[in-house]
């Protein structure tokens, strides 16, 4: 099994590249689609636009439960 080395032990030229990749992926909505739920009160972001209708339907079904 390959051991993961901390960023400080890696080649210094690759450290900025790796940190930029992590920064781009953490909490980023770049490349995602907004789905507005509950009349604009809730907004979620999904990566697959084709699942928008399914997510809205599932959200509405969860809300109706007694």
C-alpha atoms as a PDB file:
ATOM      1  CA  UNK A   1       0.000   0.000   0.000  1.00  0.00           C
ATOM      2  CA  UNK A   2       1.316   3.435  -0.936  1.00  0.00           C
ATOM      3  CA  UNK A   3       1.750   5.863   1.941  1.00  0.00           C
ATOM      4  CA  UNK A   4       0.337   9.326   1.600  1.00  0.00           C
ATOM      5  CA  UNK A   5       2.957  11.967   2.156  1.00  0.00           C
ATOM      6  CA  UNK A   6       2.041  15.358   3.571  1.00  0.00           C
ATOM      7  CA  UNK A   7       2.203  18.324   1.222  1.00  0.00           C
ATOM      8  CA  UNK A   8       5.338  19.610   2.954  1.00  0.00           C
ATOM      9  CA  UNK A   9       7.332  16.552   1.802  1.00  0.00           C
ATOM     10  CA  UNK A  10       6.298  16.791  -1.846  1.00  0.00           C
ATOM     11  CA  UNK A  11       7.969  18.589  -4.651  1.00  0.00           C
ATOM     12  CA  UNK A  12       7.483  22.322  -3.935  1.00  0.00           C
ATOM     13  CA  UNK A  13       6.400  22.958  -7.527  1.00  0.00           C
ATOM     14  CA  UNK A  14       3.388  20.657  -7.186  1.00  0.00           C
ATOM     15  CA  UNK A  15       2.147  22.049  -3.857  1.00  0.00           C
ATOM     16  CA  UNK A  16       0.376  25.108  -5.378  1.00  0.00           C
ATOM     17  CA  UNK A  17      -1.199  22.898  -8.047  1.00  0.00           C
ATOM     18  CA  UNK A  18      -2.554  20.467  -5.455  1.00  0.00           C
ATOM     19  CA  UNK A  19      -3.854  23.179  -3.136  1.00  0.00           C
ATOM     20  CA  UNK A  20      -5.633  24.866  -6.052  1.00  0.00           C
ATOM     21  CA  UNK A  21      -7.359  21.594  -6.970  1.00  0.00           C
ATOM     22  CA  UNK A  22      -8.527  21.141  -3.385  1.00  0.00           C
ATOM     23  CA  UNK A  23      -9.722  24.742  -3.170  1.00  0.00           C
ATOM     24  CA  UNK A  24     -11.652  24.409  -6.414  1.00  0.00           C
ATOM     25  CA  UNK A  25     -13.482  21.281  -5.299  1.00  0.00           C
ATOM     26  CA  UNK A  26     -14.352  22.157  -1.682  1.00  0.00           C
ATOM     27  CA  UNK A  27     -17.656  23.986  -1.513  1.00  0.00           C
ATOM     28  CA  UNK A  28     -17.451  25.151  -5.081  1.00  0.00           C
ATOM     29  CA  UNK A  29     -20.579  25.439  -7.194  1.00  0.00           C
ATOM     30  CA  UNK A  30     -18.581  25.770 -10.397  1.00  0.00           C
ATOM     31  CA  UNK A  31     -19.978  23.387 -12.990  1.00  0.00           C
ATOM     32  CA  UNK A  32     -23.102  22.628 -10.932  1.00  0.00           C
ATOM     33  CA  UNK A  33     -26.732  23.495 -11.526  1.00  0.00           C
ATOM     34  CA  UNK A  34     -28.979  25.258  -9.037  1.00  0.00           C
ATOM     35  CA  UNK A  35     -32.272  23.599  -8.097  1.00  0.00           C
ATOM     36  CA  UNK A  36     -34.743  25.888  -6.355  1.00  0.00           C
ATOM     37  CA  UNK A  37     -37.034  24.125  -3.896  1.00  0.00           C
ATOM     38  CA  UNK A  38     -39.858  25.189  -1.604  1.00  0.00           C
ATOM     39  CA  UNK A  39     -40.770  28.310  -3.541  1.00  0.00           C
ATOM     40  CA  UNK A  40     -37.269  29.774  -3.399  1.00  0.00           C
ATOM     41  CA  UNK A  41     -36.597  29.113   0.290  1.00  0.00           C
ATOM     42  CA  UNK A  42     -34.173  26.280  -0.418  1.00  0.00           C
ATOM     43  CA  UNK A  43     -31.529  26.065  -3.132  1.00  0.00           C
ATOM     44  CA  UNK A  44     -29.337  23.047  -3.733  1.00  0.00           C
ATOM     45  CA  UNK A  45     -26.660  22.469  -6.347  1.00  0.00           C
ATOM     46  CA  UNK A  46     -26.391  19.274  -8.375  1.00  0.00           C
ATOM     47  CA  UNK A  47     -23.866  18.103 -10.937  1.00  0.00           C
ATOM     48  CA  UNK A  48     -26.359  16.284 -13.198  1.00  0.00           C
ATOM     49  CA  UNK A  49     -29.027  18.547 -14.718  1.00  0.00           C
ATOM     50  CA  UNK A  50     -31.077  15.538 -15.877  1.00  0.00           C
ATOM     51  CA  UNK A  51     -31.898  14.615 -12.250  1.00  0.00           C
ATOM     52  CA  UNK A  52     -33.486  17.980 -11.445  1.00  0.00           C
ATOM     53  CA  UNK A  53     -37.107  16.772 -11.776  1.00  0.00           C
ATOM     54  CA  UNK A  54     -36.392  13.667  -9.695  1.00  0.00           C
ATOM     55  CA  UNK A  55     -34.868  15.709  -6.879  1.00  0.00           C
ATOM     56  CA  UNK A  56     -37.785  18.154  -6.825  1.00  0.00           C
ATOM     57  CA  UNK A  57     -40.243  15.249  -6.677  1.00  0.00           C
ATOM     58  CA  UNK A  58     -38.360  13.531  -3.838  1.00  0.00           C
ATOM     59  CA  UNK A  59     -38.169  16.796  -1.888  1.00  0.00           C
ATOM     60  CA  UNK A  60     -41.919  17.350  -2.221  1.00  0.00           C
ATOM     61  CA  UNK A  61     -42.659  13.782  -1.103  1.00  0.00           C
ATOM     62  CA  UNK A  62     -40.541  14.218   2.037  1.00  0.00           C
ATOM     63  CA  UNK A  63     -42.388  17.417   2.893  1.00  0.00           C
ATOM     64  CA  UNK A  64     -45.870  15.848   2.726  1.00  0.00           C
ATOM     65  CA  UNK A  65     -45.228  13.150   5.357  1.00  0.00           C
ATOM     66  CA  UNK A  66     -47.438  13.600   8.455  1.00  0.00           C
END
